[in-house]
């Protein structure tokens, strides 16, 4: 239990205060900006390297399936499945690079992203599903256009950031 608490603190999801207890950290606008900027740097590089890598066909088939997965916006369960699929898509791109450091960085950052995404669900904001954006990223990787893959990934990430910031600047807090 203690190891799990320390890991959550290292991931900035919880704060441990001696003799007081465990506290969930709040999501601030500064956190959101930092997370999305980090994602753009790391995931943009992942998409670029993925386009240049020698990937196996089964990995590309799975990534295509993930990119094209549609979910309804009419129920919470469907939105939660989307979050899981979204994580698998983004980590899958990092896996195409065969660079364990990139895979770890993307997977670790997805913990932060999922927190933001679940908090967005809790306040009733779902945004638009990024099916078109995911398909565009996949197509650039498949065509081995490294620069376009990076650009589309960064655009996708910053579009998502803008959506989240629009919600938070209207006075809605993303506390979890």
N, C-alpha and C. Protein backbone atom coordinates (compact mmCIF):
# COMPACT_ATOMS: atom_id res chain seq x y z
N UNK A 1 0.83 -1.19 0.00
CA UNK A 1 0.00 0.00 0.00
C UNK A 1 0.88 1.25 0.00
N UNK A 2 1.92 1.22 0.82
CA UNK A 2 2.81 2.37 0.90
C UNK A 2 3.52 2.61 -0.43
N UNK A 3 3.95 1.53 -1.10
CA UNK A 3 4.61 1.67 -2.39
C UNK A 3 3.67 2.29 -3.42
N UNK A 4 2.41 1.90 -3.39
CA UNK A 4 1.43 2.47 -4.31
C UNK A 4 1.25 3.96 -4.03
N UNK A 5 1.19 4.34 -2.78
CA UNK A 5 1.04 5.74 -2.41
C UNK A 5 2.25 6.56 -2.87
N UNK A 6 3.44 6.02 -2.70
CA UNK A 6 4.66 6.72 -3.13
C UNK A 6 4.65 6.89 -4.66
N UNK A 7 4.22 5.85 -5.37
CA UNK A 7 4.15 5.93 -6.83
C UNK A 7 3.15 7.00 -7.27
N UNK A 8 2.00 7.06 -6.61
CA UNK A 8 1.01 8.09 -6.93
C UNK A 8 1.56 9.48 -6.66
N UNK A 9 2.35 9.62 -5.61
CA UNK A 9 2.97 10.91 -5.32
C UNK A 9 3.99 11.25 -6.39
N UNK A 10 4.79 10.28 -6.83
CA UNK A 10 5.78 10.52 -7.88
C UNK A 10 5.12 10.95 -9.19
N UNK A 11 3.90 10.45 -9.42
CA UNK A 11 3.17 10.80 -10.64
C UNK A 11 2.33 12.06 -10.45
N UNK A 12 2.51 12.74 -9.33
CA UNK A 12 1.79 13.98 -9.02
C UNK A 12 0.28 13.80 -8.98
N UNK A 13 -0.16 12.62 -8.61
CA UNK A 13 -1.59 12.37 -8.48
C UNK A 13 -2.05 12.48 -7.03
N UNK A 14 -1.10 12.39 -6.11
CA UNK A 14 -1.42 12.43 -4.70
C UNK A 14 -0.26 13.08 -3.95
N UNK A 15 -0.58 13.70 -2.83
CA UNK A 15 0.44 14.30 -1.99
C UNK A 15 0.37 13.62 -0.62
N UNK A 16 1.53 13.22 -0.12
CA UNK A 16 1.60 12.60 1.20
C UNK A 16 2.13 13.66 2.16
N UNK A 17 1.35 13.95 3.20
CA UNK A 17 1.74 14.93 4.20
C UNK A 17 1.93 14.18 5.52
N UNK A 18 3.15 14.23 6.03
CA UNK A 18 3.48 13.51 7.27
C UNK A 18 2.53 13.90 8.40
N UNK A 19 2.07 12.92 9.12
CA UNK A 19 1.17 13.08 10.26
C UNK A 19 -0.19 13.70 9.92
N UNK A 20 -0.49 13.84 8.62
CA UNK A 20 -1.78 14.42 8.22
C UNK A 20 -2.56 13.49 7.32
N UNK A 21 -1.85 12.80 6.43
CA UNK A 21 -2.56 11.87 5.56
C UNK A 21 -2.21 12.01 4.10
N UNK A 22 -3.09 11.45 3.29
CA UNK A 22 -2.92 11.41 1.84
C UNK A 22 -3.97 12.33 1.21
N UNK A 23 -3.53 13.13 0.24
CA UNK A 23 -4.42 14.09 -0.40
C UNK A 23 -4.28 14.01 -1.92
N UNK A 24 -5.41 13.95 -2.58
CA UNK A 24 -5.42 13.94 -4.05
C UNK A 24 -5.04 15.35 -4.51
N UNK A 25 -4.12 15.44 -5.46
CA UNK A 25 -3.73 16.75 -5.96
C UNK A 25 -4.79 17.29 -6.91
N UNK A 26 -4.95 18.59 -6.91
CA UNK A 26 -5.91 19.24 -7.80
C UNK A 26 -5.28 19.41 -9.18
N UNK A 27 -6.14 19.43 -10.16
CA UNK A 27 -5.70 19.71 -11.53
C UNK A 27 -5.82 21.22 -11.71
N UNK A 28 -4.70 21.85 -12.04
CA UNK A 28 -4.71 23.30 -12.26
C UNK A 28 -4.50 23.59 -13.74
N UNK A 29 -4.77 24.81 -14.12
CA UNK A 29 -4.52 25.21 -15.51
C UNK A 29 -3.05 25.08 -15.83
N UNK A 30 -2.19 25.39 -14.87
CA UNK A 30 -0.75 25.22 -15.09
C UNK A 30 -0.42 23.75 -15.35
N UNK A 31 -1.02 22.82 -14.56
CA UNK A 31 -0.80 21.39 -14.79
C UNK A 31 -1.23 21.00 -16.19
N UNK A 32 -2.40 21.46 -16.59
CA UNK A 32 -2.93 21.12 -17.91
C UNK A 32 -1.97 21.59 -18.99
N UNK A 33 -1.51 22.83 -18.89
CA UNK A 33 -0.55 23.36 -19.88
C UNK A 33 0.73 22.54 -19.91
N UNK A 34 1.27 22.21 -18.75
CA UNK A 34 2.50 21.42 -18.69
C UNK A 34 2.32 20.03 -19.28
N UNK A 35 1.22 19.38 -18.94
CA UNK A 35 0.95 18.03 -19.44
C UNK A 35 0.83 18.04 -20.96
N UNK A 36 0.06 18.95 -21.49
CA UNK A 36 -0.14 18.97 -22.94
C UNK A 36 1.13 19.36 -23.68
N UNK A 37 1.92 20.28 -23.14
CA UNK A 37 3.19 20.63 -23.79
C UNK A 37 4.14 19.44 -23.80
N UNK A 38 4.20 18.73 -22.68
CA UNK A 38 5.04 17.53 -22.60
C UNK A 38 4.57 16.49 -23.61
N UNK A 39 3.25 16.28 -23.64
CA UNK A 39 2.69 15.31 -24.59
C UNK A 39 3.04 15.68 -26.02
N UNK A 40 2.90 16.94 -26.38
CA UNK A 40 3.19 17.34 -27.75
C UNK A 40 4.64 17.04 -28.11
N UNK A 41 5.55 17.33 -27.19
CA UNK A 41 6.97 17.06 -27.44
C UNK A 41 7.24 15.56 -27.59
N UNK A 42 6.78 14.79 -26.64
CA UNK A 42 7.08 13.35 -26.63
C UNK A 42 6.28 12.60 -27.68
N UNK A 43 4.97 12.85 -27.74
CA UNK A 43 4.15 12.10 -28.68
C UNK A 43 4.35 12.56 -30.12
N UNK A 44 4.70 13.81 -30.30
CA UNK A 44 5.05 14.27 -31.65
C UNK A 44 6.29 13.53 -32.14
N UNK A 45 7.28 13.41 -31.26
CA UNK A 45 8.50 12.66 -31.61
C UNK A 45 8.18 11.19 -31.85
N UNK A 46 7.29 10.63 -31.04
CA UNK A 46 6.91 9.22 -31.21
C UNK A 46 6.27 8.99 -32.58
N UNK A 47 5.37 9.87 -32.97
CA UNK A 47 4.70 9.73 -34.26
C UNK A 47 5.72 9.85 -35.40
N UNK A 48 6.63 10.80 -35.26
CA UNK A 48 7.67 10.98 -36.29
C UNK A 48 8.54 9.73 -36.40
N UNK A 49 9.00 9.22 -35.27
CA UNK A 49 9.84 8.02 -35.29
C UNK A 49 9.07 6.79 -35.74
N UNK A 50 7.80 6.71 -35.37
CA UNK A 50 6.98 5.57 -35.79
C UNK A 50 6.89 5.52 -37.32
N UNK A 51 6.78 6.69 -37.95
CA UNK A 51 6.70 6.74 -39.41
C UNK A 51 7.99 6.27 -40.06
N UNK A 52 9.08 6.36 -39.34
CA UNK A 52 10.39 5.97 -39.86
C UNK A 52 10.79 4.56 -39.47
N UNK A 53 10.01 3.93 -38.60
CA UNK A 53 10.38 2.62 -38.06
C UNK A 53 9.92 1.48 -38.95
N UNK A 54 10.51 0.34 -38.72
CA UNK A 54 10.07 -0.90 -39.36
C UNK A 54 9.12 -1.58 -38.41
N UNK A 55 7.83 -1.46 -38.69
CA UNK A 55 6.83 -2.03 -37.82
C UNK A 55 6.29 -3.29 -38.44
N UNK A 56 5.77 -4.15 -37.58
CA UNK A 56 5.16 -5.36 -38.12
C UNK A 56 3.70 -5.07 -38.48
N UNK A 57 3.20 -5.84 -39.40
CA UNK A 57 1.87 -5.60 -39.95
C UNK A 57 0.77 -5.72 -38.90
N UNK A 58 0.91 -6.66 -37.98
CA UNK A 58 -0.15 -6.84 -36.97
C UNK A 58 -0.27 -5.62 -36.06
N UNK A 59 0.87 -4.99 -35.75
CA UNK A 59 0.82 -3.77 -34.93
C UNK A 59 0.12 -2.64 -35.69
N UNK A 60 0.38 -2.55 -36.98
CA UNK A 60 -0.28 -1.51 -37.78
C UNK A 60 -1.77 -1.80 -37.94
N UNK A 61 -2.13 -3.06 -38.08
CA UNK A 61 -3.54 -3.40 -38.19
C UNK A 61 -4.29 -3.04 -36.91
N UNK A 62 -3.67 -3.31 -35.76
CA UNK A 62 -4.30 -2.96 -34.48
C UNK A 62 -4.42 -1.45 -34.33
N UNK A 63 -3.39 -0.72 -34.74
CA UNK A 63 -3.42 0.74 -34.64
C UNK A 63 -4.51 1.31 -35.56
N UNK A 64 -4.67 0.74 -36.75
CA UNK A 64 -5.73 1.19 -37.66
C UNK A 64 -7.10 0.95 -37.02
N UNK A 65 -7.26 -0.20 -36.41
CA UNK A 65 -8.52 -0.54 -35.74
C UNK A 65 -8.81 0.45 -34.62
N UNK A 66 -7.79 0.80 -33.84
CA UNK A 66 -7.96 1.76 -32.75
C UNK A 66 -8.30 3.15 -33.29
N UNK A 67 -7.61 3.55 -34.36
CA UNK A 67 -7.83 4.88 -34.94
C UNK A 67 -9.26 5.02 -35.45
N UNK A 68 -9.83 3.94 -35.94
CA UNK A 68 -11.16 3.99 -36.55
C UNK A 68 -12.28 3.63 -35.59
N UNK A 69 -11.95 3.36 -34.35
CA UNK A 69 -12.97 2.98 -33.37
C UNK A 69 -13.85 4.18 -33.03
N UNK A 70 -15.14 3.98 -33.20
CA UNK A 70 -16.10 5.02 -32.85
C UNK A 70 -16.82 4.63 -31.57
N UNK A 71 -17.14 5.63 -30.79
CA UNK A 71 -17.89 5.43 -29.56
C UNK A 71 -19.00 6.47 -29.52
N UNK A 72 -20.12 6.06 -29.01
CA UNK A 72 -21.23 7.00 -28.87
C UNK A 72 -20.97 7.98 -27.75
N UNK A 73 -21.60 9.11 -27.82
CA UNK A 73 -21.46 10.09 -26.75
C UNK A 73 -22.71 10.14 -25.88
N UNK A 74 -23.53 9.09 -26.00
CA UNK A 74 -24.80 9.10 -25.29
C UNK A 74 -24.77 8.40 -23.94
N UNK A 75 -23.68 7.72 -23.63
CA UNK A 75 -23.64 7.06 -22.33
C UNK A 75 -22.22 7.05 -21.77
N UNK A 76 -22.15 7.05 -20.47
CA UNK A 76 -20.87 7.11 -19.76
C UNK A 76 -19.98 5.91 -20.07
N UNK A 77 -20.57 4.73 -20.17
CA UNK A 77 -19.78 3.52 -20.44
C UNK A 77 -19.05 3.63 -21.78
N UNK A 78 -19.72 4.14 -22.78
CA UNK A 78 -19.11 4.32 -24.10
C UNK A 78 -17.96 5.32 -24.04
N UNK A 79 -18.16 6.39 -23.30
CA UNK A 79 -17.10 7.40 -23.16
C UNK A 79 -15.90 6.83 -22.41
N UNK A 80 -16.16 5.99 -21.43
CA UNK A 80 -15.06 5.37 -20.68
C UNK A 80 -14.29 4.40 -21.57
N UNK A 81 -15.00 3.65 -22.42
CA UNK A 81 -14.32 2.77 -23.38
C UNK A 81 -13.45 3.59 -24.33
N UNK A 82 -13.95 4.78 -24.71
CA UNK A 82 -13.15 5.63 -25.58
C UNK A 82 -11.83 6.01 -24.91
N UNK A 83 -11.88 6.36 -23.64
CA UNK A 83 -10.65 6.74 -22.93
C UNK A 83 -9.64 5.59 -22.96
N UNK A 84 -10.11 4.38 -22.73
CA UNK A 84 -9.22 3.22 -22.79
C UNK A 84 -8.65 3.02 -24.20
N UNK A 85 -9.48 3.17 -25.21
CA UNK A 85 -9.04 3.01 -26.59
C UNK A 85 -8.05 4.12 -26.96
N UNK A 86 -8.33 5.33 -26.50
CA UNK A 86 -7.46 6.46 -26.78
C UNK A 86 -6.07 6.21 -26.19
N UNK A 87 -6.03 5.71 -24.97
CA UNK A 87 -4.74 5.39 -24.35
C UNK A 87 -4.01 4.32 -25.15
N UNK A 88 -4.73 3.28 -25.54
CA UNK A 88 -4.10 2.20 -26.31
C UNK A 88 -3.56 2.72 -27.64
N UNK A 89 -4.29 3.64 -28.28
CA UNK A 89 -3.85 4.22 -29.54
C UNK A 89 -2.54 5.00 -29.36
N UNK A 90 -2.50 5.86 -28.37
CA UNK A 90 -1.31 6.70 -28.17
C UNK A 90 -0.11 5.88 -27.72
N UNK A 91 -0.31 4.93 -26.83
CA UNK A 91 0.79 4.05 -26.42
C UNK A 91 1.22 3.17 -27.59
N UNK A 92 0.25 2.74 -28.40
CA UNK A 92 0.57 1.91 -29.57
C UNK A 92 1.49 2.61 -30.55
N UNK A 93 1.30 3.91 -30.74
CA UNK A 93 2.20 4.67 -31.61
C UNK A 93 3.61 4.67 -31.02
N UNK A 94 3.72 4.89 -29.74
CA UNK A 94 5.04 4.86 -29.10
C UNK A 94 5.68 3.47 -29.24
N UNK A 95 4.88 2.43 -29.14
CA UNK A 95 5.42 1.06 -29.28
C UNK A 95 5.97 0.81 -30.67
N UNK A 96 5.41 1.47 -31.68
CA UNK A 96 5.93 1.30 -33.04
C UNK A 96 7.39 1.76 -33.15
N UNK A 97 7.79 2.68 -32.28
CA UNK A 97 9.17 3.19 -32.33
C UNK A 97 10.18 2.17 -31.82
N UNK A 98 9.70 1.22 -31.04
CA UNK A 98 10.55 0.20 -30.38
C UNK A 98 11.57 0.83 -29.44
N UNK A 99 11.22 2.02 -28.95
CA UNK A 99 12.07 2.72 -27.99
C UNK A 99 11.39 2.64 -26.63
N UNK A 100 11.93 1.82 -25.72
CA UNK A 100 11.27 1.64 -24.42
C UNK A 100 11.15 2.93 -23.60
N UNK A 101 12.06 3.87 -23.79
CA UNK A 101 11.97 5.13 -23.05
C UNK A 101 10.76 5.96 -23.52
N UNK A 102 10.53 5.98 -24.82
CA UNK A 102 9.35 6.69 -25.33
C UNK A 102 8.06 6.00 -24.91
N UNK A 103 8.06 4.68 -24.97
CA UNK A 103 6.87 3.94 -24.55
C UNK A 103 6.55 4.25 -23.10
N UNK A 104 7.57 4.24 -22.25
CA UNK A 104 7.37 4.52 -20.82
C UNK A 104 6.88 5.95 -20.60
N UNK A 105 7.49 6.91 -21.31
CA UNK A 105 7.09 8.31 -21.14
C UNK A 105 5.63 8.52 -21.56
N UNK A 106 5.23 7.93 -22.67
CA UNK A 106 3.85 8.08 -23.13
C UNK A 106 2.90 7.38 -22.17
N UNK A 107 3.24 6.16 -21.76
CA UNK A 107 2.37 5.42 -20.85
C UNK A 107 2.21 6.14 -19.51
N UNK A 108 3.31 6.67 -18.98
CA UNK A 108 3.24 7.41 -17.72
C UNK A 108 2.40 8.67 -17.86
N UNK A 109 2.54 9.36 -18.98
CA UNK A 109 1.78 10.59 -19.18
C UNK A 109 0.30 10.30 -19.37
N UNK A 110 -0.02 9.12 -19.87
CA UNK A 110 -1.43 8.77 -20.04
C UNK A 110 -2.15 8.69 -18.70
N UNK A 111 -1.42 8.38 -17.62
CA UNK A 111 -2.05 8.42 -16.28
C UNK A 111 -2.58 9.82 -16.00
N UNK A 112 -1.79 10.82 -16.31
CA UNK A 112 -2.21 12.20 -16.12
C UNK A 112 -3.36 12.55 -17.06
N UNK A 113 -3.26 12.11 -18.31
CA UNK A 113 -4.30 12.40 -19.29
C UNK A 113 -5.62 11.74 -18.92
N UNK A 114 -5.55 10.49 -18.50
CA UNK A 114 -6.79 9.81 -18.13
C UNK A 114 -7.46 10.51 -16.96
N UNK A 115 -6.66 11.02 -16.06
CA UNK A 115 -7.23 11.76 -14.93
C UNK A 115 -8.00 12.98 -15.43
N UNK A 116 -7.40 13.71 -16.37
CA UNK A 116 -8.08 14.88 -16.94
C UNK A 116 -9.33 14.45 -17.70
N UNK A 117 -9.22 13.38 -18.45
CA UNK A 117 -10.36 12.92 -19.25
C UNK A 117 -11.51 12.44 -18.36
N UNK A 118 -11.19 11.68 -17.31
CA UNK A 118 -12.25 11.23 -16.40
C UNK A 118 -12.86 12.41 -15.64
N UNK A 119 -12.03 13.38 -15.27
CA UNK A 119 -12.56 14.57 -14.59
C UNK A 119 -13.49 15.33 -15.53
N UNK A 120 -13.16 15.37 -16.81
CA UNK A 120 -14.02 16.03 -17.79
C UNK A 120 -15.37 15.33 -17.88
N UNK A 121 -15.35 14.00 -17.83
CA UNK A 121 -16.61 13.25 -17.84
C UNK A 121 -17.45 13.60 -16.62
N UNK A 122 -16.80 13.77 -15.49
CA UNK A 122 -17.52 14.03 -14.24
C UNK A 122 -18.25 15.37 -14.27
N UNK A 123 -17.76 16.31 -15.07
CA UNK A 123 -18.42 17.62 -15.14
C UNK A 123 -19.33 17.73 -16.35
N UNK A 124 -19.51 16.62 -17.05
CA UNK A 124 -20.46 16.61 -18.15
C UNK A 124 -19.91 17.10 -19.47
N UNK A 125 -18.59 17.20 -19.60
CA UNK A 125 -18.00 17.64 -20.87
C UNK A 125 -17.38 16.43 -21.55
N UNK A 126 -17.72 16.23 -22.79
CA UNK A 126 -17.20 15.06 -23.49
C UNK A 126 -16.42 15.44 -24.73
N UNK A 127 -16.59 16.64 -25.21
CA UNK A 127 -15.89 17.04 -26.42
C UNK A 127 -16.31 16.22 -27.62
N UNK A 128 -15.66 16.41 -28.71
CA UNK A 128 -15.91 15.63 -29.90
C UNK A 128 -14.91 14.49 -29.92
N UNK A 129 -15.33 13.35 -30.42
CA UNK A 129 -14.41 12.22 -30.51
C UNK A 129 -13.42 12.51 -31.63
N UNK A 130 -12.16 12.29 -31.39
CA UNK A 130 -11.12 12.66 -32.36
C UNK A 130 -10.85 11.60 -33.43
N UNK A 131 -11.89 10.93 -33.91
CA UNK A 131 -11.74 9.88 -34.91
C UNK A 131 -10.96 10.37 -36.13
N UNK A 132 -11.36 11.52 -36.67
CA UNK A 132 -10.69 12.05 -37.86
C UNK A 132 -9.21 12.35 -37.59
N UNK A 133 -8.92 12.89 -36.41
CA UNK A 133 -7.54 13.21 -36.06
C UNK A 133 -6.71 11.93 -35.93
N UNK A 134 -7.24 10.93 -35.25
CA UNK A 134 -6.52 9.66 -35.10
C UNK A 134 -6.26 9.02 -36.46
N UNK A 135 -7.25 9.03 -37.33
CA UNK A 135 -7.08 8.44 -38.66
C UNK A 135 -6.01 9.20 -39.45
N UNK A 136 -5.98 10.52 -39.31
CA UNK A 136 -4.97 11.32 -39.99
C UNK A 136 -3.56 11.02 -39.51
N UNK A 137 -3.41 10.84 -38.21
CA UNK A 137 -2.10 10.49 -37.65
C UNK A 137 -1.68 9.12 -38.17
N UNK A 138 -2.60 8.17 -38.12
CA UNK A 138 -2.30 6.81 -38.59
C UNK A 138 -1.89 6.83 -40.06
N UNK A 139 -2.65 7.55 -40.90
CA UNK A 139 -2.34 7.60 -42.32
C UNK A 139 -0.95 8.17 -42.58
N UNK A 140 -0.57 9.20 -41.85
CA UNK A 140 0.77 9.79 -42.03
C UNK A 140 1.85 8.78 -41.65
N UNK A 141 1.64 8.05 -40.57
CA UNK A 141 2.61 7.02 -40.16
C UNK A 141 2.68 5.94 -41.22
N UNK A 142 1.52 5.49 -41.69
CA UNK A 142 1.46 4.42 -42.69
C UNK A 142 2.15 4.84 -43.99
N UNK A 143 2.02 6.11 -44.36
CA UNK A 143 2.66 6.61 -45.58
C UNK A 143 4.13 6.96 -45.36
N UNK A 144 4.58 6.78 -44.12
CA UNK A 144 5.97 7.06 -43.73
C UNK A 144 6.34 8.54 -43.92
N UNK A 145 5.37 9.41 -43.71
CA UNK A 145 5.59 10.85 -43.77
C UNK A 145 5.83 11.34 -42.34
N UNK A 146 7.08 11.31 -41.94
CA UNK A 146 7.46 11.58 -40.55
C UNK A 146 7.06 12.99 -40.10
N UNK A 147 7.30 13.98 -40.93
CA UNK A 147 6.99 15.36 -40.55
C UNK A 147 5.48 15.56 -40.41
N UNK A 148 4.72 14.98 -41.32
CA UNK A 148 3.27 15.11 -41.25
C UNK A 148 2.72 14.36 -40.03
N UNK A 149 3.30 13.21 -39.72
CA UNK A 149 2.87 12.45 -38.53
C UNK A 149 3.09 13.28 -37.28
N UNK A 150 4.26 13.92 -37.17
CA UNK A 150 4.55 14.78 -36.02
C UNK A 150 3.56 15.94 -35.96
N UNK A 151 3.36 16.59 -37.09
CA UNK A 151 2.46 17.75 -37.12
C UNK A 151 1.04 17.36 -36.73
N UNK A 152 0.54 16.27 -37.29
CA UNK A 152 -0.83 15.85 -36.98
C UNK A 152 -0.98 15.45 -35.52
N UNK A 153 0.04 14.81 -34.96
CA UNK A 153 -0.02 14.45 -33.55
C UNK A 153 -0.04 15.70 -32.68
N UNK A 154 0.85 16.63 -32.97
CA UNK A 154 0.89 17.87 -32.18
C UNK A 154 -0.41 18.65 -32.32
N UNK A 155 -0.93 18.75 -33.54
CA UNK A 155 -2.21 19.43 -33.74
C UNK A 155 -3.31 18.76 -32.92
N UNK A 156 -3.36 17.45 -32.96
CA UNK A 156 -4.36 16.67 -32.21
C UNK A 156 -4.27 16.97 -30.72
N UNK A 157 -3.07 16.99 -30.20
CA UNK A 157 -2.86 17.23 -28.77
C UNK A 157 -3.28 18.66 -28.40
N UNK A 158 -2.93 19.63 -29.21
CA UNK A 158 -3.29 21.01 -28.89
C UNK A 158 -4.78 21.30 -29.09
N UNK A 159 -5.42 20.60 -29.99
CA UNK A 159 -6.88 20.71 -30.13
C UNK A 159 -7.55 20.21 -28.85
N UNK A 160 -7.05 19.09 -28.35
CA UNK A 160 -7.58 18.52 -27.10
C UNK A 160 -7.34 19.49 -25.93
N UNK A 161 -6.16 20.07 -25.88
CA UNK A 161 -5.83 21.03 -24.82
C UNK A 161 -6.79 22.22 -24.86
N UNK A 162 -7.06 22.74 -26.05
CA UNK A 162 -7.96 23.88 -26.18
C UNK A 162 -9.35 23.55 -25.66
N UNK A 163 -9.82 22.33 -25.95
CA UNK A 163 -11.14 21.91 -25.47
C UNK A 163 -11.18 21.89 -23.94
N UNK A 164 -10.16 21.31 -23.33
CA UNK A 164 -10.11 21.23 -21.87
C UNK A 164 -10.01 22.62 -21.25
N UNK A 165 -9.19 23.47 -21.81
CA UNK A 165 -9.04 24.82 -21.26
C UNK A 165 -10.31 25.65 -21.42
N UNK A 166 -11.07 25.42 -22.49
CA UNK A 166 -12.34 26.12 -22.65
C UNK A 166 -13.28 25.79 -21.49
N UNK A 167 -13.29 24.55 -21.08
CA UNK A 167 -14.15 24.13 -19.97
C UNK A 167 -13.67 24.76 -18.67
N UNK A 168 -12.37 24.72 -18.42
CA UNK A 168 -11.86 25.21 -17.14
C UNK A 168 -11.93 26.73 -17.04
N UNK A 169 -11.84 27.44 -18.15
CA UNK A 169 -11.90 28.90 -18.08
C UNK A 169 -13.33 29.40 -17.93
N UNK A 170 -14.32 28.50 -18.10
CA UNK A 170 -15.71 28.88 -17.85
C UNK A 170 -16.06 28.72 -16.38
N UNK A 171 -15.04 28.47 -15.58
CA UNK A 171 -15.27 28.39 -14.15
C UNK A 171 -15.51 26.98 -13.63
N UNK A 172 -15.45 26.01 -14.49
CA UNK A 172 -15.64 24.63 -14.07
C UNK A 172 -14.30 24.06 -13.66
N UNK A 173 -14.25 23.46 -12.49
CA UNK A 173 -13.00 22.88 -11.99
C UNK A 173 -12.92 21.42 -12.38
N UNK A 174 -11.71 20.98 -12.65
CA UNK A 174 -11.48 19.59 -13.00
C UNK A 174 -10.94 18.80 -11.81
N UNK A 175 -11.49 19.01 -10.65
CA UNK A 175 -11.05 18.25 -9.48
C UNK A 175 -11.54 16.82 -9.60
N UNK A 176 -10.69 15.91 -9.15
CA UNK A 176 -11.11 14.51 -9.14
C UNK A 176 -11.20 14.01 -7.73
